Amino acid sequence: MGHPAHVHFFKNAVGRLGEKKVEVGLAALGKENTVQLLDSLGVKYSFVSGLKKGLLWKALNLPLVDYRLLRFAWKFKPDLMAGIGGAGMYATHVAKILGCKSLMFTDTEEAGLINKLGFPFAGKVCTPACFYGKVNPKKHLSYNGFHELAYLHPKYFKPNPKVLEYDGLKEGEIYFIVRISSWDSSHDLNTKGFRNEKELEVFLEKLGEYGRVLLSSEVPLSEKFREYEIKTPIHLIHHLLYYASAYVGEGATMASEAGILGVPWVWISRGQRRGYLEEQENKYALGFNVKTPEEAVEKVKRLVAGKNAGWLAKKERLLKEKTDVTDWVVDRIIEEGKS
């Protein structure tokens, strides 16, 4: 696992596999708050390697990460290895060396380099049905859902309003969660939401005219943004998101999380696409993809005014039409591991 969302994606599956007497070993790559999240959940894992920023350093670091993951897997002797995105890419390399099965999960079509370096080695490539990228049909497994359903489906997630106390909020209060991305993944190198801190500062001030603003950032920010920082612990962030009036930001994963929770989202991207967000926007009308912070403020203004309402009904429709992703993941891991 190389990203906090990977931890959430697999956590329920790991528990279910344990109940079925399947032994599971977890390997962590040091990106953002991945290790911190694993620690807060009390999950046992092995730290394999840190991750580098910049395309050149990522390329130079690839064989080192493969080697360290190989050392971990050599001792564990797995029947199958699985991972998401970049972490899944490393898993496919090591599984190939060990001669075991592998599942590479992805929902990011524009992660071209990672997909090219991972798909050829993967036993199977697992994607949401809305994934529009090219995958060898002989090894492609798709499911009718989104990654985020693996942990935010009502079967697994129960919102707790007491979490609001960390940030001095009350249920029903108007507030927005803003997410700033590091844009250091290989598929992010040619895009960016906010160009600089000044643009971000103006955006937060304008957004603050309609409700309280809470900020989550993958990168260190100046002292002037301290007043916006979220105080809620990382492992409880989805409870805070559930009661938010809207999510606005650069993080595509959190946008999808918001949609599944019935919270309006506004994803700021100057050129990126995500099949899962396009489906949420075009089929379920749960959010908006915009190119500039100015457009995002206008969308929030409309939301606060009560336009484009009915988010809970939209969410219920989505939940009714989508599959239980954790069930699907558990079944695939057991099936592929035995075959």
Protein backbone atom coordinates (compact mmCIF):
# COMPACT_ATOMS: atom_id res chain seq x y z
CA MET A 1 0.00 0.00 0.00
CA GLY A 2 1.43 3.36 -1.04
CA HIS A 3 -1.43 5.79 -0.38
CA PRO A 4 -3.96 6.28 2.46
CA ALA A 5 -6.79 5.32 0.07
CA HIS A 6 -5.08 1.94 -0.48
CA VAL A 7 -5.24 1.27 3.24
CA HIS A 8 -8.95 2.00 3.33
CA PHE A 9 -9.56 -0.04 0.16
CA PHE A 10 -8.02 -3.20 1.58
CA LYS A 11 -8.80 -2.93 5.32
CA ASN A 12 -12.21 -4.62 5.23
CA ALA A 13 -11.02 -7.25 2.76
CA VAL A 14 -8.07 -8.07 5.05
CA GLY A 15 -10.44 -8.63 7.95
CA ARG A 16 -12.72 -10.83 5.88
CA LEU A 17 -9.80 -12.87 4.53
CA GLY A 18 -8.60 -13.41 8.08
CA GLU A 19 -12.02 -14.78 9.00
CA LYS A 20 -11.65 -17.24 6.12
CA LYS A 21 -8.27 -18.38 7.52
CA VAL A 22 -6.33 -16.71 4.71
CA GLU A 23 -2.95 -15.41 5.91
CA VAL A 24 -2.31 -11.83 4.78
CA GLY A 25 0.94 -9.86 4.86
CA LEU A 26 0.87 -6.07 4.42
CA ALA A 27 3.71 -4.05 2.92
CA ALA A 28 3.68 -0.24 3.16
CA LEU A 29 5.36 2.35 0.95
CA GLY A 30 5.99 5.72 2.57
CA LYS A 31 3.72 8.22 0.78
CA GLU A 32 1.83 11.02 2.57
CA ASN A 33 0.05 9.66 5.64
CA THR A 34 -0.03 5.98 4.69
CA VAL A 35 2.10 4.76 7.59
CA GLN A 36 0.39 7.13 10.03
CA LEU A 37 -3.00 5.75 8.99
CA LEU A 38 -1.87 2.14 9.38
CA ASP A 39 -0.56 2.95 12.86
CA SER A 40 -3.81 4.67 13.87
CA LEU A 41 -5.81 1.62 12.75
CA GLY A 42 -3.55 -0.70 14.73
CA VAL A 43 -2.73 -2.77 11.65
CA LYS A 44 0.42 -4.91 11.49
CA TYR A 45 2.57 -4.19 8.44
CA SER A 46 6.14 -4.10 7.17
CA PHE A 47 7.57 -0.79 5.98
CA VAL A 48 9.25 -1.53 2.64
CA SER A 49 10.46 1.80 1.30
CA GLY A 50 9.94 5.51 1.01
CA LEU A 51 8.89 7.01 -2.32
CA LYS A 52 10.66 9.71 -4.32
CA LYS A 53 9.30 12.87 -5.92
CA GLY A 54 9.95 13.73 -9.55
CA LEU A 55 9.92 11.42 -12.56
CA LEU A 56 13.71 10.92 -12.64
CA TRP A 57 13.97 10.01 -8.96
CA LYS A 58 10.95 7.72 -9.23
CA ALA A 59 12.63 5.87 -12.13
CA LEU A 60 15.92 5.52 -10.25
CA ASN A 61 14.09 4.34 -7.12
CA LEU A 62 12.02 1.68 -8.90
CA PRO A 63 14.55 -1.20 -8.74
CA LEU A 64 15.30 -0.41 -5.08
CA VAL A 65 11.62 -0.63 -4.11
CA ASP A 66 11.26 -3.83 -6.14
CA TYR A 67 14.25 -5.31 -4.30
CA ARG A 68 12.97 -4.38 -0.84
CA LEU A 69 9.49 -5.69 -1.59
CA LEU A 70 11.08 -8.88 -2.92
CA ARG A 71 12.92 -9.38 0.39
CA PHE A 72 9.64 -9.04 2.27
CA ALA A 73 7.73 -11.35 -0.09
CA TRP A 74 10.53 -13.95 -0.17
CA LYS A 75 10.08 -14.51 3.56
CA PHE A 76 6.28 -14.47 3.41
CA LYS A 77 6.06 -16.84 0.40
CA PRO A 78 2.69 -15.63 -0.95
CA ASP A 79 0.39 -17.48 -3.32
CA LEU A 80 -0.79 -14.10 -4.62
CA MET A 81 0.27 -10.46 -4.42
CA ALA A 82 -2.08 -7.50 -4.86
CA GLY A 83 -1.85 -3.73 -4.86
CA ILE A 84 -3.27 -0.52 -6.28
CA GLY A 85 -1.65 1.80 -8.82
CA GLY A 86 2.07 2.30 -8.25
CA ALA A 87 2.12 -0.08 -5.29
CA GLY A 88 0.36 -2.64 -7.47
CA MET A 89 2.99 -2.14 -10.15
CA TYR A 90 5.76 -3.12 -7.72
CA ALA A 91 3.70 -6.12 -6.60
CA THR A 92 3.38 -7.39 -10.18
CA HIS A 93 7.16 -7.20 -10.67
CA VAL A 94 7.92 -9.16 -7.51
CA ALA A 95 5.16 -11.70 -8.13
CA LYS A 96 6.62 -12.37 -11.57
CA ILE A 97 10.04 -13.06 -10.03
CA LEU A 98 8.56 -15.35 -7.37
CA GLY A 99 6.30 -17.13 -9.85
CA CYS A 100 3.10 -16.38 -7.93
CA LYS A 101 -0.21 -14.85 -9.00
CA SER A 102 -0.86 -11.10 -8.93
CA LEU A 103 -3.75 -8.65 -9.06
CA MET A 104 -3.11 -5.04 -10.01
CA PHE A 105 -6.00 -2.73 -9.14
CA THR A 106 -6.33 0.68 -10.77
CA ASP A 107 -8.95 3.32 -11.47
CA THR A 108 -6.60 5.95 -12.93
CA GLU A 109 -6.52 5.93 -16.71
CA GLU A 110 -3.97 8.74 -16.93
CA ALA A 111 -1.39 6.86 -14.87
CA GLY A 112 0.11 5.88 -18.23
CA LEU A 113 3.65 5.14 -17.10
CA ILE A 114 2.59 3.08 -14.08
CA ASN A 115 0.10 1.13 -16.17
CA LYS A 116 2.68 0.42 -18.88
CA LEU A 117 5.17 -0.80 -16.27
CA GLY A 118 2.61 -2.88 -14.39
CA PHE A 119 -0.01 -4.30 -16.75
CA PRO A 120 2.35 -6.57 -18.76
CA PHE A 121 3.54 -8.30 -15.55
CA ALA A 122 0.15 -8.56 -13.83
CA GLY A 123 -1.70 -11.84 -13.67
CA LYS A 124 -4.96 -9.89 -13.76
CA VAL A 125 -5.74 -6.16 -13.98
CA CYS A 126 -8.81 -5.15 -11.94
CA THR A 127 -10.68 -1.93 -12.72
CA PRO A 128 -14.10 -0.34 -12.22
CA ALA A 129 -16.41 -0.90 -15.22
CA CYS A 130 -16.24 2.86 -15.97
CA PHE A 131 -12.46 2.64 -16.57
CA TYR A 132 -11.84 3.84 -20.13
CA GLY A 133 -8.14 2.93 -20.40
CA LYS A 134 -6.82 0.07 -22.53
CA VAL A 135 -6.25 -3.30 -20.84
CA ASN A 136 -5.48 -6.66 -22.42
CA PRO A 137 -8.96 -8.30 -22.48
CA LYS A 138 -7.44 -11.69 -21.60
CA LYS A 139 -6.32 -10.41 -18.19
CA HIS A 140 -8.91 -7.67 -17.54
CA LEU A 141 -11.36 -8.09 -14.64
CA SER A 142 -13.90 -5.31 -14.13
CA TYR A 143 -16.55 -4.71 -11.50
CA ASN A 144 -19.57 -2.42 -11.31
CA GLY A 145 -18.37 -0.06 -8.61
CA PHE A 146 -15.77 2.39 -7.37
CA HIS A 147 -12.72 1.83 -5.17
CA GLU A 148 -14.21 4.00 -2.45
CA LEU A 149 -17.24 1.70 -2.06
CA ALA A 150 -14.88 -0.84 -0.48
CA TYR A 151 -14.86 1.25 2.69
CA LEU A 152 -17.63 3.85 2.48
CA HIS A 153 -20.55 1.58 1.63
CA PRO A 154 -23.12 1.81 4.49
CA LYS A 155 -22.35 -1.84 5.22
CA TYR A 156 -18.91 -0.76 6.44
CA PHE A 157 -19.14 2.94 7.30
CA LYS A 158 -21.31 4.44 10.06
CA PRO A 159 -20.96 8.24 10.44
CA ASN A 160 -20.28 9.57 13.94
CA PRO A 161 -21.32 13.21 14.57
CA LYS A 162 -19.10 13.38 17.68
CA VAL A 163 -16.10 13.62 15.34
CA LEU A 164 -17.22 17.17 14.50
CA GLU A 165 -16.06 18.25 17.96
CA TYR A 166 -12.39 18.02 16.90
CA ASP A 167 -12.92 21.06 14.68
CA GLY A 168 -15.49 22.80 16.86
CA LEU A 169 -18.36 22.06 14.49
CA LYS A 170 -22.00 21.20 15.02
CA GLU A 171 -24.20 18.94 12.93
CA GLY A 172 -26.03 21.05 10.33
CA GLU A 173 -23.38 23.77 10.25
CA ILE A 174 -22.31 24.88 6.78
CA TYR A 175 -18.67 24.00 6.12
CA PHE A 176 -16.54 22.93 3.17
CA ILE A 177 -13.56 20.59 3.00
CA VAL A 178 -10.81 21.72 0.63
CA ARG A 179 -8.07 19.30 -0.44
CA ILE A 180 -4.71 20.39 -1.88
CA SER A 181 -2.74 17.70 -3.74
CA SER A 182 1.01 17.36 -4.04
CA TRP A 183 0.75 16.59 -7.78
CA ASP A 184 3.92 14.48 -7.56
CA SER A 185 2.54 11.20 -8.91
CA SER A 186 3.79 10.20 -12.36
CA HIS A 187 0.33 10.94 -13.84
CA ASP A 188 0.20 14.40 -12.22
CA LEU A 189 3.38 15.92 -13.62
CA ASN A 190 1.69 18.03 -16.31
CA THR A 191 -1.26 19.35 -14.34
CA LYS A 192 -2.05 21.44 -11.31
CA GLY A 193 -5.15 22.89 -9.70
CA PHE A 194 -3.85 25.94 -7.80
CA ARG A 195 -0.90 27.68 -9.45
CA ASN A 196 0.46 29.29 -6.27
CA GLU A 197 -0.35 30.16 -2.66
CA LYS A 198 -1.75 33.57 -3.58
CA GLU A 199 -4.37 31.97 -5.81
CA LEU A 200 -5.20 29.54 -3.00
CA GLU A 201 -5.47 32.36 -0.47
CA VAL A 202 -7.94 34.31 -2.63
CA PHE A 203 -9.95 31.13 -3.26
CA LEU A 204 -10.26 30.30 0.45
CA GLU A 205 -11.34 33.83 1.28
CA LYS A 206 -14.06 33.78 -1.41
CA LEU A 207 -15.23 30.33 -0.39
CA GLY A 208 -15.35 31.49 3.22
CA GLU A 209 -18.12 33.93 2.33
CA TYR A 210 -20.52 30.98 2.08
CA GLY A 211 -19.44 28.86 5.06
CA ARG A 212 -16.51 27.73 7.16
CA VAL A 213 -13.53 26.32 5.24
CA LEU A 214 -11.43 23.37 6.45
CA LEU A 215 -8.20 22.64 4.61
CA SER A 216 -6.37 19.34 4.05
CA SER A 217 -3.04 19.54 2.23
CA GLU A 218 -0.50 16.98 1.00
CA VAL A 219 2.15 19.71 0.92
CA PRO A 220 3.41 22.10 3.63
CA LEU A 221 1.74 25.51 3.47
CA SER A 222 2.57 28.92 4.88
CA GLU A 223 1.61 29.98 8.39
CA LYS A 224 -1.22 32.14 7.00
CA PHE A 225 -3.19 28.98 6.16
CA ARG A 226 -2.96 27.61 9.72
CA GLU A 227 -6.46 28.84 10.62
CA TYR A 228 -7.98 26.57 7.97
CA GLU A 229 -6.17 23.34 8.90
CA ILE A 230 -8.28 20.31 9.82
CA LYS A 231 -7.78 19.09 13.39
CA THR A 232 -9.72 15.84 12.99
CA PRO A 233 -7.36 12.78 13.05
CA ILE A 234 -6.68 11.28 9.63
CA HIS A 235 -8.41 7.96 10.38
CA LEU A 236 -11.66 9.84 11.17
CA ILE A 237 -11.63 12.17 8.15
CA HIS A 238 -14.53 10.42 6.40
CA HIS A 239 -16.85 11.25 9.29
CA LEU A 240 -15.95 14.91 8.86
CA LEU A 241 -16.53 14.60 5.11
CA TYR A 242 -19.94 12.97 5.63
CA TYR A 243 -21.37 16.02 7.43
CA ALA A 244 -19.74 18.60 5.11
CA SER A 245 -21.85 20.87 2.92
CA ALA A 246 -19.51 20.24 -0.02
CA TYR A 247 -16.05 19.00 -0.95
CA VAL A 248 -13.90 21.27 -3.14
CA GLY A 249 -10.36 20.44 -4.17
CA GLU A 250 -7.67 18.84 -6.28
CA GLY A 251 -7.95 15.35 -4.80
CA ALA A 252 -9.92 13.03 -7.11
CA THR A 253 -10.19 10.25 -4.54
CA MET A 254 -11.79 12.50 -1.94
CA ALA A 255 -14.20 13.79 -4.58
CA SER A 256 -15.36 10.23 -5.24
CA GLU A 257 -15.59 9.60 -1.49
CA ALA A 258 -17.81 12.65 -1.13
CA GLY A 259 -20.13 11.47 -3.90
CA ILE A 260 -20.58 8.05 -2.31
CA LEU A 261 -21.42 9.75 0.99
CA GLY A 262 -23.99 11.98 -0.72
CA VAL A 263 -21.88 15.15 -0.38
CA PRO A 264 -21.63 17.46 -3.43
CA TRP A 265 -18.11 17.60 -4.85
CA VAL A 266 -16.27 20.07 -7.06
CA TRP A 267 -13.02 18.68 -8.50
CA ILE A 268 -10.53 21.31 -9.67
CA SER A 269 -8.31 20.04 -12.46
CA ARG A 270 -6.83 21.85 -15.45
CA GLY A 271 -6.68 18.83 -17.72
CA GLN A 272 -7.01 15.53 -15.86
CA ARG A 273 -9.80 13.00 -16.33
CA ARG A 274 -11.08 10.14 -14.19
CA GLY A 275 -13.62 7.64 -15.48
CA TYR A 276 -15.16 7.20 -12.04
CA LEU A 277 -15.70 10.95 -11.55
CA GLU A 278 -17.13 11.31 -15.04
CA GLU A 279 -19.65 8.58 -14.25
CA GLN A 280 -20.55 10.21 -10.93
CA GLU A 281 -20.99 13.55 -12.67
CA ASN A 282 -22.74 12.47 -15.88
CA LYS A 283 -24.81 9.50 -14.71
CA TYR A 284 -25.57 10.38 -11.08
CA ALA A 285 -25.16 14.21 -11.04
CA LEU A 286 -23.19 14.02 -7.79
CA GLY A 287 -20.48 16.55 -8.59
CA PHE A 288 -18.73 18.88 -10.99
CA ASN A 289 -15.36 18.82 -12.75
CA VAL A 290 -14.06 22.39 -13.21
CA LYS A 291 -10.81 23.83 -14.48
CA THR A 292 -10.33 26.89 -12.27
CA PRO A 293 -10.83 27.93 -8.63
CA GLU A 294 -13.16 30.70 -9.84
CA GLU A 295 -15.48 28.13 -11.43
CA ALA A 296 -15.38 26.12 -8.21
CA VAL A 297 -16.58 29.09 -6.14
CA GLU A 298 -19.49 29.63 -8.53
CA LYS A 299 -20.53 25.98 -8.18
CA VAL A 300 -20.44 26.23 -4.38
CA LYS A 301 -22.48 29.44 -4.53
CA ARG A 302 -25.20 27.56 -6.44
CA LEU A 303 -25.06 24.64 -4.02
CA VAL A 304 -25.50 26.88 -0.97
CA ALA A 305 -28.44 28.56 -2.71
CA GLY A 306 -30.14 25.15 -2.86
CA LYS A 307 -29.77 24.52 -6.57
CA ASN A 308 -28.89 21.03 -7.87
CA ALA A 309 -30.38 19.50 -4.71
CA GLY A 310 -31.35 15.88 -3.97
CA TRP A 311 -27.90 14.50 -3.23
CA LEU A 312 -29.11 11.83 -0.80
CA ALA A 313 -31.51 10.41 -3.40
CA LYS A 314 -28.70 10.41 -5.96
CA LYS A 315 -26.44 8.60 -3.51
CA GLU A 316 -29.09 5.97 -2.78
CA ARG A 317 -29.49 5.32 -6.49
CA LEU A 318 -25.73 4.84 -6.85
CA LEU A 319 -25.59 2.44 -3.89
CA LYS A 320 -28.50 0.44 -5.26
CA GLU A 321 -26.91 0.06 -8.69
CA LYS A 322 -23.34 -0.71 -7.59
CA THR A 323 -21.79 -3.89 -6.23
CA ASP A 324 -20.21 -4.50 -2.83
CA VAL A 325 -16.57 -3.96 -3.84
CA THR A 326 -15.12 -5.60 -0.72
CA ASP A 327 -17.07 -8.79 -1.50
CA TRP A 328 -15.73 -8.67 -5.04
CA VAL A 329 -12.11 -8.15 -3.92
CA VAL A 330 -12.24 -10.98 -1.38
CA ASP A 331 -13.75 -13.40 -3.92
CA ARG A 332 -11.15 -12.49 -6.56
CA ILE A 333 -8.20 -12.87 -4.18
CA ILE A 334 -9.36 -16.30 -3.03
CA GLU A 335 -10.28 -17.46 -6.54
CA GLU A 336 -7.04 -16.29 -8.15
CA GLY A 337 -4.92 -17.56 -5.25
CA LYS A 338 -6.33 -21.06 -5.56
CA SER A 339 -6.23 -21.31 -9.36
